[in-house]
PDB file of all heavy atoms in Angstrom:
ATOM      1  N   ILE A   1     -24.895-167.283  50.946  1.00  0.00           N
ATOM      2  CA  ILE A   1     -24.174-168.522  51.243  1.00  0.00           C
ATOM      3  C   ILE A   1     -22.769-168.175  51.743  1.00  0.00           C
ATOM      4  O   ILE A   1     -22.307-168.728  52.736  1.00  0.00           O
ATOM      5  CB  ILE A   1     -24.112-169.437  50.000  1.00  0.00           C
ATOM      6  CG1 ILE A   1     -25.508-169.980  49.693  1.00  0.00           C
ATOM      7  CG2 ILE A   1     -23.115-170.586  50.225  1.00  0.00           C
ATOM      8  CD1 ILE A   1     -25.591-170.747  48.397  1.00  0.00           C
ATOM      9  N   HIS A   2     -22.114-167.228  51.066  1.00  0.00           N
ATOM     10  CA  HIS A   2     -20.778-166.814  51.480  1.00  0.00           C
ATOM     11  C   HIS A   2     -20.816-166.228  52.890  1.00  0.00           C
ATOM     12  O   HIS A   2     -19.975-166.546  53.729  1.00  0.00           O
ATOM     13  CB  HIS A   2     -20.206-165.794  50.493  1.00  0.00           C
ATOM     14  CG  HIS A   2     -18.862-165.282  50.878  1.00  0.00           C
ATOM     15  ND1 HIS A   2     -17.740-166.062  50.788  1.00  0.00           N
ATOM     16  CD2 HIS A   2     -18.470-164.100  51.404  1.00  0.00           C
ATOM     17  CE1 HIS A   2     -16.701-165.379  51.229  1.00  0.00           C
ATOM     18  NE2 HIS A   2     -17.121-164.174  51.605  1.00  0.00           N
ATOM     19  N   LEU A   3     -21.791-165.379  53.180  1.00  0.00           N
ATOM     20  CA  LEU A   3     -21.913-164.775  54.504  1.00  0.00           C
ATOM     21  C   LEU A   3     -22.155-165.847  55.562  1.00  0.00           C
ATOM     22  O   LEU A   3     -21.532-165.828  56.633  1.00  0.00           O
ATOM     23  CB  LEU A   3     -23.052-163.750  54.517  1.00  0.00           C
ATOM     24  CG  LEU A   3     -23.316-163.060  55.850  1.00  0.00           C
ATOM     25  CD1 LEU A   3     -22.071-162.295  56.302  1.00  0.00           C
ATOM     26  CD2 LEU A   3     -24.498-162.119  55.737  1.00  0.00           C
ATOM     27  N   LEU A   4     -23.027-166.793  55.289  1.00  0.00           N
ATOM     28  CA  LEU A   4     -23.272-167.888  56.238  1.00  0.00           C
ATOM     29  C   LEU A   4     -22.004-168.701  56.478  1.00  0.00           C
ATOM     30  O   LEU A   4     -21.719-169.105  57.609  1.00  0.00           O
ATOM     31  CB  LEU A   4     -24.398-168.790  55.716  1.00  0.00           C
ATOM     32  CG  LEU A   4     -25.798-168.178  55.724  1.00  0.00           C
ATOM     33  CD1 LEU A   4     -26.769-169.100  54.998  1.00  0.00           C
ATOM     34  CD2 LEU A   4     -26.261-167.913  57.140  1.00  0.00           C
ATOM     35  N   TYR A   5     -21.236-168.936  55.432  1.00  0.00           N
ATOM     36  CA  TYR A   5     -19.984-169.667  55.556  1.00  0.00           C
ATOM     37  C   TYR A   5     -19.010-168.930  56.478  1.00  0.00           C
ATOM     38  O   TYR A   5     -18.414-169.501  57.370  1.00  0.00           O
ATOM     39  CB  TYR A   5     -19.363-169.881  54.176  1.00  0.00           C
ATOM     40  CG  TYR A   5     -17.979-170.464  54.211  1.00  0.00           C
ATOM     41  CD1 TYR A   5     -17.786-171.809  54.484  1.00  0.00           C
ATOM     42  CD2 TYR A   5     -16.866-169.661  53.995  1.00  0.00           C
ATOM     43  CE1 TYR A   5     -16.509-172.347  54.540  1.00  0.00           C
ATOM     44  CE2 TYR A   5     -15.593-170.186  54.040  1.00  0.00           C
ATOM     45  CZ  TYR A   5     -15.423-171.531  54.317  1.00  0.00           C
ATOM     46  OH  TYR A   5     -14.155-172.046  54.375  1.00  0.00           O
ATOM     47  N   VAL A   6     -18.876-167.610  56.237  1.00  0.00           N
ATOM     48  CA  VAL A   6     -17.972-166.795  57.050  1.00  0.00           C
ATOM     49  C   VAL A   6     -18.408-166.822  58.510  1.00  0.00           C
ATOM     50  O   VAL A   6     -17.593-167.008  59.414  1.00  0.00           O
ATOM     51  CB  VAL A   6     -17.895-165.346  56.522  1.00  0.00           C
ATOM     52  CG1 VAL A   6     -17.200-164.425  57.512  1.00  0.00           C
ATOM     53  CG2 VAL A   6     -17.175-165.319  55.183  1.00  0.00           C
ATOM     54  N   LEU A   7     -19.704-166.651  58.759  1.00  0.00           N
ATOM     55  CA  LEU A   7     -20.198-166.667  60.135  1.00  0.00           C
ATOM     56  C   LEU A   7     -19.998-168.039  60.775  1.00  0.00           C
ATOM     57  O   LEU A   7     -19.661-168.141  61.949  1.00  0.00           O
ATOM     58  CB  LEU A   7     -21.670-166.268  60.168  1.00  0.00           C
ATOM     59  CG  LEU A   7     -21.959-164.817  59.780  1.00  0.00           C
ATOM     60  CD1 LEU A   7     -23.465-164.568  59.737  1.00  0.00           C
ATOM     61  CD2 LEU A   7     -21.281-163.848  60.725  1.00  0.00           C
ATOM     62  N   PHE A   8     -20.184-169.096  60.011  1.00  0.00           N
ATOM     63  CA  PHE A   8     -19.988-170.447  60.527  1.00  0.00           C
ATOM     64  C   PHE A   8     -18.519-170.701  60.872  1.00  0.00           C
ATOM     65  O   PHE A   8     -18.193-171.205  61.936  1.00  0.00           O
ATOM     66  CB  PHE A   8     -20.462-171.480  59.487  1.00  0.00           C
ATOM     67  CG  PHE A   8     -20.159-172.893  59.885  1.00  0.00           C
ATOM     68  CD1 PHE A   8     -20.906-173.529  60.861  1.00  0.00           C
ATOM     69  CD2 PHE A   8     -19.125-173.586  59.280  1.00  0.00           C
ATOM     70  CE1 PHE A   8     -20.614-174.832  61.232  1.00  0.00           C
ATOM     71  CE2 PHE A   8     -18.826-174.890  59.641  1.00  0.00           C
ATOM     72  CZ  PHE A   8     -19.579-175.508  60.618  1.00  0.00           C
ATOM     73  N   ILE A   9     -17.624-170.336  59.993  1.00  0.00           N
ATOM     74  CA  ILE A   9     -16.205-170.588  60.191  1.00  0.00           C
ATOM     75  C   ILE A   9     -15.619-169.749  61.319  1.00  0.00           C
ATOM     76  O   ILE A   9     -14.886-170.232  62.165  1.00  0.00           O
ATOM     77  CB  ILE A   9     -15.413-170.325  58.879  1.00  0.00           C
ATOM     78  CG1 ILE A   9     -15.833-171.294  57.786  1.00  0.00           C
ATOM     79  CG2 ILE A   9     -13.911-170.391  59.110  1.00  0.00           C
ATOM     80  CD1 ILE A   9     -15.545-172.743  58.086  1.00  0.00           C
ATOM     81  N   PHE A  10     -15.923-168.468  61.349  1.00  0.00           N
ATOM     82  CA  PHE A  10     -15.266-167.559  62.287  1.00  0.00           C
ATOM     83  C   PHE A  10     -16.085-167.230  63.531  1.00  0.00           C
ATOM     84  O   PHE A  10     -15.547-166.685  64.487  1.00  0.00           O
ATOM     85  CB  PHE A  10     -14.864-166.264  61.578  1.00  0.00           C
ATOM     86  CG  PHE A  10     -13.889-166.502  60.472  1.00  0.00           C
ATOM     87  CD1 PHE A  10     -14.259-166.354  59.165  1.00  0.00           C
ATOM     88  CD2 PHE A  10     -12.593-166.909  60.762  1.00  0.00           C
ATOM     89  CE1 PHE A  10     -13.354-166.589  58.145  1.00  0.00           C
ATOM     90  CE2 PHE A  10     -11.690-167.142  59.747  1.00  0.00           C
ATOM     91  CZ  PHE A  10     -12.067-166.985  58.439  1.00  0.00           C
ATOM     92  N   GLY A  11     -17.366-167.523  63.517  1.00  0.00           N
ATOM     93  CA  GLY A  11     -18.190-167.292  64.701  1.00  0.00           C
ATOM     94  C   GLY A  11     -18.699-165.872  64.805  1.00  0.00           C
ATOM     95  O   GLY A  11     -18.088-164.937  64.328  1.00  0.00           O
ATOM     96  N   LEU A  12     -19.824-165.731  65.456  1.00  0.00           N
ATOM     97  CA  LEU A  12     -20.453-164.433  65.617  1.00  0.00           C
ATOM     98  C   LEU A  12     -19.807-163.595  66.706  1.00  0.00           C
ATOM     99  O   LEU A  12     -19.998-162.394  66.763  1.00  0.00           O
ATOM    100  CB  LEU A  12     -21.939-164.615  65.941  1.00  0.00           C
ATOM    101  CG  LEU A  12     -22.799-165.112  64.787  1.00  0.00           C
ATOM    102  CD1 LEU A  12     -24.197-165.448  65.292  1.00  0.00           C
ATOM    103  CD2 LEU A  12     -22.871-164.067  63.700  1.00  0.00           C
ATOM    104  N   SER A  13     -19.021-164.194  67.573  1.00  0.00           N
ATOM    105  CA  SER A  13     -18.449-163.457  68.696  1.00  0.00           C
ATOM    106  C   SER A  13     -17.474-162.369  68.249  1.00  0.00           C
ATOM    107  O   SER A  13     -17.125-161.499  69.034  1.00  0.00           O
ATOM    108  CB  SER A  13     -17.748-164.417  69.651  1.00  0.00           C
ATOM    109  OG  SER A  13     -16.664-165.027  68.990  1.00  0.00           O
ATOM    110  N   LEU A  14     -17.035-162.413  66.996  1.00  0.00           N
ATOM    111  CA  LEU A  14     -16.074-161.434  66.512  1.00  0.00           C
ATOM    112  C   LEU A  14     -16.730-160.172  65.963  1.00  0.00           C
ATOM    113  O   LEU A  14     -16.053-159.184  65.708  1.00  0.00           O
ATOM    114  CB  LEU A  14     -15.210-162.060  65.410  1.00  0.00           C
ATOM    115  CG  LEU A  14     -14.421-163.282  65.832  1.00  0.00           C
ATOM    116  CD1 LEU A  14     -13.739-163.903  64.635  1.00  0.00           C
ATOM    117  CD2 LEU A  14     -13.413-162.925  66.893  1.00  0.00           C
ATOM    118  N   ALA A  15     -18.036-160.202  65.783  1.00  0.00           N
ATOM    119  CA  ALA A  15     -18.718-159.067  65.178  1.00  0.00           C
ATOM    120  C   ALA A  15     -18.628-157.843  66.085  1.00  0.00           C
ATOM    121  O   ALA A  15     -18.690-157.957  67.300  1.00  0.00           O
ATOM    122  CB  ALA A  15     -20.176-159.438  64.912  1.00  0.00           C
ATOM    123  N   GLN A  16     -18.448-156.664  65.457  1.00  0.00           N
ATOM    124  CA  GLN A  16     -18.457-155.409  66.194  1.00  0.00           C
ATOM    125  C   GLN A  16     -19.584-154.564  65.637  1.00  0.00           C
ATOM    126  O   GLN A  16     -19.832-154.553  64.440  1.00  0.00           O
ATOM    127  CB  GLN A  16     -17.132-154.674  66.042  1.00  0.00           C
ATOM    128  CG  GLN A  16     -16.003-155.329  66.793  1.00  0.00           C
ATOM    129  CD  GLN A  16     -14.745-154.467  66.757  1.00  0.00           C
ATOM    130  OE1 GLN A  16     -14.383-153.943  65.729  1.00  0.00           O
ATOM    131  NE2 GLN A  16     -14.101-154.348  67.891  1.00  0.00           N
ATOM    132  N   ASP A  17     -20.226-153.839  66.531  1.00  0.00           N
ATOM    133  CA  ASP A  17     -21.294-152.983  66.059  1.00  0.00           C
ATOM    134  C   ASP A  17     -20.746-151.633  65.615  1.00  0.00           C
ATOM    135  O   ASP A  17     -19.556-151.347  65.755  1.00  0.00           O
ATOM    136  CB  ASP A  17     -22.389-152.822  67.112  1.00  0.00           C
ATOM    137  CG  ASP A  17     -21.891-152.167  68.385  1.00  0.00           C
ATOM    138  OD1 ASP A  17     -20.806-151.556  68.371  1.00  0.00           O
ATOM    139  OD2 ASP A  17     -22.601-152.251  69.398  1.00  0.00           O
ATOM    140  N   ARG A  18     -21.636-150.842  65.089  1.00  0.00           N
ATOM    141  CA  ARG A  18     -21.286-149.536  64.536  1.00  0.00           C
ATOM    142  C   ARG A  18     -20.550-148.656  65.540  1.00  0.00           C
ATOM    143  O   ARG A  18     -19.537-148.040  65.222  1.00  0.00           O
ATOM    144  CB  ARG A  18     -22.582-148.890  64.077  1.00  0.00           C
ATOM    145  CG  ARG A  18     -22.528-147.495  63.698  1.00  0.00           C
ATOM    146  CD  ARG A  18     -23.941-147.062  63.371  1.00  0.00           C
ATOM    147  NE  ARG A  18     -23.993-145.651  63.122  1.00  0.00           N
ATOM    148  CZ  ARG A  18     -24.933-145.092  62.398  1.00  0.00           C
ATOM    149  NH1 ARG A  18     -25.863-145.837  61.856  1.00  0.00           N
ATOM    150  NH2 ARG A  18     -24.932-143.807  62.218  1.00  0.00           N
ATOM    151  N   GLU A  19     -21.034-148.604  66.773  1.00  0.00           N
ATOM    152  CA  GLU A  19     -20.416-147.767  67.797  1.00  0.00           C
ATOM    153  C   GLU A  19     -19.001-148.231  68.120  1.00  0.00           C
ATOM    154  O   GLU A  19     -18.108-147.421  68.351  1.00  0.00           O
ATOM    155  CB  GLU A  19     -21.276-147.730  69.069  1.00  0.00           C
ATOM    156  CG  GLU A  19     -22.543-146.906  68.948  1.00  0.00           C
ATOM    157  CD  GLU A  19     -23.623-147.590  68.107  1.00  0.00           C
ATOM    158  OE1 GLU A  19     -23.642-148.844  68.051  1.00  0.00           O
ATOM    159  OE2 GLU A  19     -24.425-146.865  67.486  1.00  0.00           O
ATOM    160  N   ALA A  20     -18.787-149.538  68.134  1.00  0.00           N
ATOM    161  CA  ALA A  20     -17.443-150.071  68.417  1.00  0.00           C
ATOM    162  C   ALA A  20     -16.452-149.654  67.336  1.00  0.00           C
ATOM    163  O   ALA A  20     -15.321-149.288  67.640  1.00  0.00           O
ATOM    164  CB  ALA A  20     -17.494-151.591  68.547  1.00  0.00           C
ATOM    165  N   TRP A  21     -16.883-149.713  66.057  1.00  0.00           N
ATOM    166  CA  TRP A  21     -15.994-149.300  64.969  1.00  0.00           C
ATOM    167  C   TRP A  21     -15.687-147.808  65.067  1.00  0.00           C
ATOM    168  O   TRP A  21     -14.543-147.390  64.897  1.00  0.00           O
ATOM    169  CB  TRP A  21     -16.624-149.595  63.612  1.00  0.00           C
ATOM    170  CG  TRP A  21     -16.624-151.041  63.240  1.00  0.00           C
ATOM    171  CD1 TRP A  21     -17.716-151.823  63.046  1.00  0.00           C
ATOM    172  CD2 TRP A  21     -15.487-151.874  63.017  1.00  0.00           C
ATOM    173  NE1 TRP A  21     -17.326-153.103  62.733  1.00  0.00           N
ATOM    174  CE2 TRP A  21     -15.959-153.162  62.704  1.00  0.00           C
ATOM    175  CE3 TRP A  21     -14.120-151.670  63.069  1.00  0.00           C
ATOM    176  CZ2 TRP A  21     -15.125-154.232  62.429  1.00  0.00           C
ATOM    177  CZ3 TRP A  21     -13.274-152.744  62.789  1.00  0.00           C
ATOM    178  CH2 TRP A  21     -13.777-153.999  62.479  1.00  0.00           C
ATOM    179  N   LEU A  22     -16.713-146.996  65.342  1.00  0.00           N
ATOM    180  CA  LEU A  22     -16.511-145.554  65.442  1.00  0.00           C
ATOM    181  C   LEU A  22     -15.608-145.206  66.626  1.00  0.00           C
ATOM    182  O   LEU A  22     -14.736-144.350  66.512  1.00  0.00           O
ATOM    183  CB  LEU A  22     -17.857-144.836  65.558  1.00  0.00           C
ATOM    184  CG  LEU A  22     -18.723-144.881  64.290  1.00  0.00           C
ATOM    185  CD1 LEU A  22     -20.107-144.296  64.574  1.00  0.00           C
ATOM    186  CD2 LEU A  22     -18.053-144.168  63.140  1.00  0.00           C
ATOM    187  N   GLU A  23     -15.806-145.871  67.764  1.00  0.00           N
ATOM    188  CA  GLU A  23     -14.958-145.609  68.934  1.00  0.00           C
ATOM    189  C   GLU A  23     -13.516-146.052  68.676  1.00  0.00           C
ATOM    190  O   GLU A  23     -12.578-145.376  69.066  1.00  0.00           O
ATOM    191  CB  GLU A  23     -15.514-146.304  70.175  1.00  0.00           C
ATOM    192  CG  GLU A  23     -14.670-146.124  71.426  1.00  0.00           C
ATOM    193  CD  GLU A  23     -14.346-144.663  71.768  1.00  0.00           C
ATOM    194  OE1 GLU A  23     -15.181-143.770  71.531  1.00  0.00           O
ATOM    195  OE2 GLU A  23     -13.217-144.415  72.256  1.00  0.00           O
ATOM    196  N   SER A  24     -13.348-147.174  67.994  1.00  0.00           N
ATOM    197  CA  SER A  24     -12.000-147.645  67.660  1.00  0.00           C
ATOM    198  C   SER A  24     -11.274-146.612  66.792  1.00  0.00           C
ATOM    199  O   SER A  24     -10.108-146.289  67.029  1.00  0.00           O
ATOM    200  CB  SER A  24     -12.090-148.985  66.929  1.00  0.00           C
ATOM    201  OG  SER A  24     -10.830-149.377  66.456  1.00  0.00           O
ATOM    202  N   GLY A  25     -11.957-146.082  65.789  1.00  0.00           N
ATOM    203  CA  GLY A  25     -11.363-145.065  64.929  1.00  0.00           C
ATOM    204  C   GLY A  25     -11.078-143.781  65.692  1.00  0.00           C
ATOM    205  O   GLY A  25     -10.015-143.165  65.512  1.00  0.00           O
ATOM    206  N   ALA A  26     -11.999-143.374  66.559  1.00  0.00           N
ATOM    207  CA  ALA A  26     -11.808-142.168  67.355  1.00  0.00           C
ATOM    208  C   ALA A  26     -10.616-142.315  68.298  1.00  0.00           C
ATOM    209  O   ALA A  26      -9.835-141.375  68.478  1.00  0.00           O
ATOM    210  CB  ALA A  26     -13.079-141.846  68.134  1.00  0.00           C
ATOM    211  N   LYS A  27     -10.463-143.500  68.891  1.00  0.00           N
ATOM    212  CA  LYS A  27      -9.333-143.732  69.793  1.00  0.00           C
ATOM    213  C   LYS A  27      -8.007-143.647  69.034  1.00  0.00           C
ATOM    214  O   LYS A  27      -7.054-143.024  69.506  1.00  0.00           O
ATOM    215  CB  LYS A  27      -9.444-145.096  70.473  1.00  0.00           C
ATOM    216  CG  LYS A  27      -8.292-145.365  71.446  1.00  0.00           C
ATOM    217  CD  LYS A  27      -8.335-146.771  72.009  1.00  0.00           C
ATOM    218  CE  LYS A  27      -7.208-147.068  72.959  1.00  0.00           C
ATOM    219  NZ  LYS A  27      -5.892-146.599  72.602  1.00  0.00           N
ATOM    220  N   ARG A  28      -7.953-144.248  67.859  1.00  0.00           N
ATOM    221  CA  ARG A  28      -6.723-144.161  67.058  1.00  0.00           C
ATOM    222  C   ARG A  28      -6.403-142.724  66.679  1.00  0.00           C
ATOM    223  O   ARG A  28      -5.246-142.315  66.694  1.00  0.00           O
ATOM    224  CB  ARG A  28      -6.832-145.024  65.807  1.00  0.00           C
ATOM    225  CG  ARG A  28      -6.671-146.487  66.094  1.00  0.00           C
ATOM    226  CD  ARG A  28      -6.496-147.256  64.825  1.00  0.00           C
ATOM    227  NE  ARG A  28      -6.346-148.669  65.149  1.00  0.00           N
ATOM    228  CZ  ARG A  28      -6.011-149.571  64.258  1.00  0.00           C
ATOM    229  NH1 ARG A  28      -5.768-149.219  63.018  1.00  0.00           N
ATOM    230  NH2 ARG A  28      -5.893-150.829  64.598  1.00  0.00           N
ATOM    231  N   LEU A  29      -7.432-141.957  66.365  1.00  0.00           N
ATOM    232  CA  LEU A  29      -7.227-140.559  66.022  1.00  0.00           C
ATOM    233  C   LEU A  29      -6.736-139.774  67.245  1.00  0.00           C
ATOM    234  O   LEU A  29      -5.794-138.989  67.143  1.00  0.00           O
ATOM    235  CB  LEU A  29      -8.517-139.948  65.475  1.00  0.00           C
ATOM    236  CG  LEU A  29      -8.449-138.488  65.043  1.00  0.00           C
ATOM    237  CD1 LEU A  29      -7.384-138.284  63.971  1.00  0.00           C
ATOM    238  CD2 LEU A  29      -9.805-138.018  64.542  1.00  0.00           C
ATOM    239  N   ARG A  30      -7.352-139.992  68.418  1.00  0.00           N
ATOM    240  CA  ARG A  30      -6.902-139.313  69.644  1.00  0.00           C
ATOM    241  C   ARG A  30      -5.449-139.660  69.947  1.00  0.00           C
ATOM    242  O   ARG A  30      -4.653-138.780  70.299  1.00  0.00           O
ATOM    243  CB  ARG A  30      -7.796-139.699  70.830  1.00  0.00           C
ATOM    244  CG  ARG A  30      -9.165-139.046  70.834  1.00  0.00           C
ATOM    245  CD  ARG A  30      -9.899-139.264  72.154  1.00  0.00           C
ATOM    246  NE  ARG A  30     -10.073-140.660  72.512  1.00  0.00           N
ATOM    247  CZ  ARG A  30     -11.115-141.417  72.168  1.00  0.00           C
ATOM    248  NH1 ARG A  30     -12.087-140.904  71.427  1.00  0.00           N
ATOM    249  NH2 ARG A  30     -11.194-142.673  72.554  1.00  0.00           N
ATOM    250  N   ASP A  31      -5.093-140.928  69.812  1.00  0.00           N
ATOM    251  CA  ASP A  31      -3.710-141.353  70.067  1.00  0.00           C
ATOM    252  C   ASP A  31      -2.739-140.698  69.091  1.00  0.00           C
ATOM    253  O   ASP A  31      -1.649-140.276  69.474  1.00  0.00           O
ATOM    254  CB  ASP A  31      -3.582-142.884  69.984  1.00  0.00           C
ATOM    255  CG  ASP A  31      -4.295-143.603  71.127  1.00  0.00           C
ATOM    256  OD1 ASP A  31      -4.645-142.943  72.137  1.00  0.00           O
ATOM    257  OD2 ASP A  31      -4.499-144.826  71.000  1.00  0.00           O
ATOM    258  N   ALA A  32      -3.128-140.592  67.833  1.00  0.00           N
ATOM    259  CA  ALA A  32      -2.258-139.983  66.826  1.00  0.00           C
ATOM    260  C   ALA A  32      -2.063-138.493  67.101  1.00  0.00           C
ATOM    261  O   ALA A  32      -0.957-137.971  66.944  1.00  0.00           O
ATOM    262  CB  ALA A  32      -2.845-140.198  65.428  1.00  0.00           C
ATOM    263  N   VAL A  33      -3.117-137.813  67.536  1.00  0.00           N
ATOM    264  CA  VAL A  33      -3.030-136.377  67.815  1.00  0.00           C
ATOM    265  C   VAL A  33      -2.135-136.120  69.022  1.00  0.00           C
ATOM    266  O   VAL A  33      -1.404-135.127  69.070  1.00  0.00           O
ATOM    267  CB  VAL A  33      -4.443-135.784  68.027  1.00  0.00           C
ATOM    268  CG1 VAL A  33      -4.379-134.382  68.600  1.00  0.00           C
ATOM    269  CG2 VAL A  33      -5.213-135.797  66.716  1.00  0.00           C
ATOM    270  N   LYS A  34      -2.146-137.016  70.006  1.00  0.00           N
ATOM    271  CA  LYS A  34      -1.307-136.869  71.208  1.00  0.00           C
ATOM    272  C   LYS A  34       0.174-137.058  70.901  1.00  0.00           C
ATOM    273  O   LYS A  34       1.029-136.575  71.636  1.00  0.00           O
ATOM    274  CB  LYS A  34      -1.713-137.895  72.267  1.00  0.00           C
ATOM    275  CG  LYS A  34      -3.025-137.614  72.938  1.00  0.00           C
ATOM    276  CD  LYS A  34      -3.327-138.717  73.944  1.00  0.00           C
ATOM    277  CE  LYS A  34      -4.735-138.659  74.444  1.00  0.00           C
ATOM    278  NZ  LYS A  34      -5.069-139.816  75.292  1.00  0.00           N
ATOM    279  N   GLN A  35       0.465-137.772  69.845  1.00  0.00           N
ATOM    280  CA  GLN A  35       1.849-138.092  69.512  1.00  0.00           C
ATOM    281  C   GLN A  35       2.614-136.831  69.116  1.00  0.00           C
ATOM    282  O   GLN A  35       2.148-136.028  68.317  1.00  0.00           O
ATOM    283  CB  GLN A  35       1.861-139.105  68.361  1.00  0.00           C
ATOM    284  CG  GLN A  35       3.186-139.726  68.122  1.00  0.00           C
ATOM    285  CD  GLN A  35       3.067-140.815  67.071  1.00  0.00           C
ATOM    286  OE1 GLN A  35       2.175-140.802  66.237  1.00  0.00           O
ATOM    287  NE2 GLN A  35       3.968-141.757  67.110  1.00  0.00           N
ATOM    288  N   ARG A  36       3.766-136.667  69.695  1.00  0.00           N
ATOM    289  CA  ARG A  36       4.603-135.506  69.393  1.00  0.00           C
ATOM    290  C   ARG A  36       5.871-135.984  68.704  1.00  0.00           C
ATOM    291  O   ARG A  36       6.498-136.956  69.149  1.00  0.00           O
ATOM    292  CB  ARG A  36       4.968-134.750  70.673  1.00  0.00           C
ATOM    293  CG  ARG A  36       3.769-134.158  71.380  1.00  0.00           C
ATOM    294  CD  ARG A  36       3.212-132.997  70.558  1.00  0.00           C
ATOM    295  NE  ARG A  36       2.002-132.467  71.161  1.00  0.00           N
ATOM    296  CZ  ARG A  36       0.847-132.389  70.520  1.00  0.00           C
ATOM    297  NH1 ARG A  36       0.740-132.810  69.287  1.00  0.00           N
ATOM    298  NH2 ARG A  36      -0.203-131.891  71.111  1.00  0.00           N
TER     299      ARG A  36
END
């Protein structure tokens, strides 16, 4: 019920899949490593 409520209120368009989360983390790590 809680999950359905969250999906109803915020919409499914915000969901990210596994690859998107991993790429987001990898990009942040690459950016941090480039920082001098």
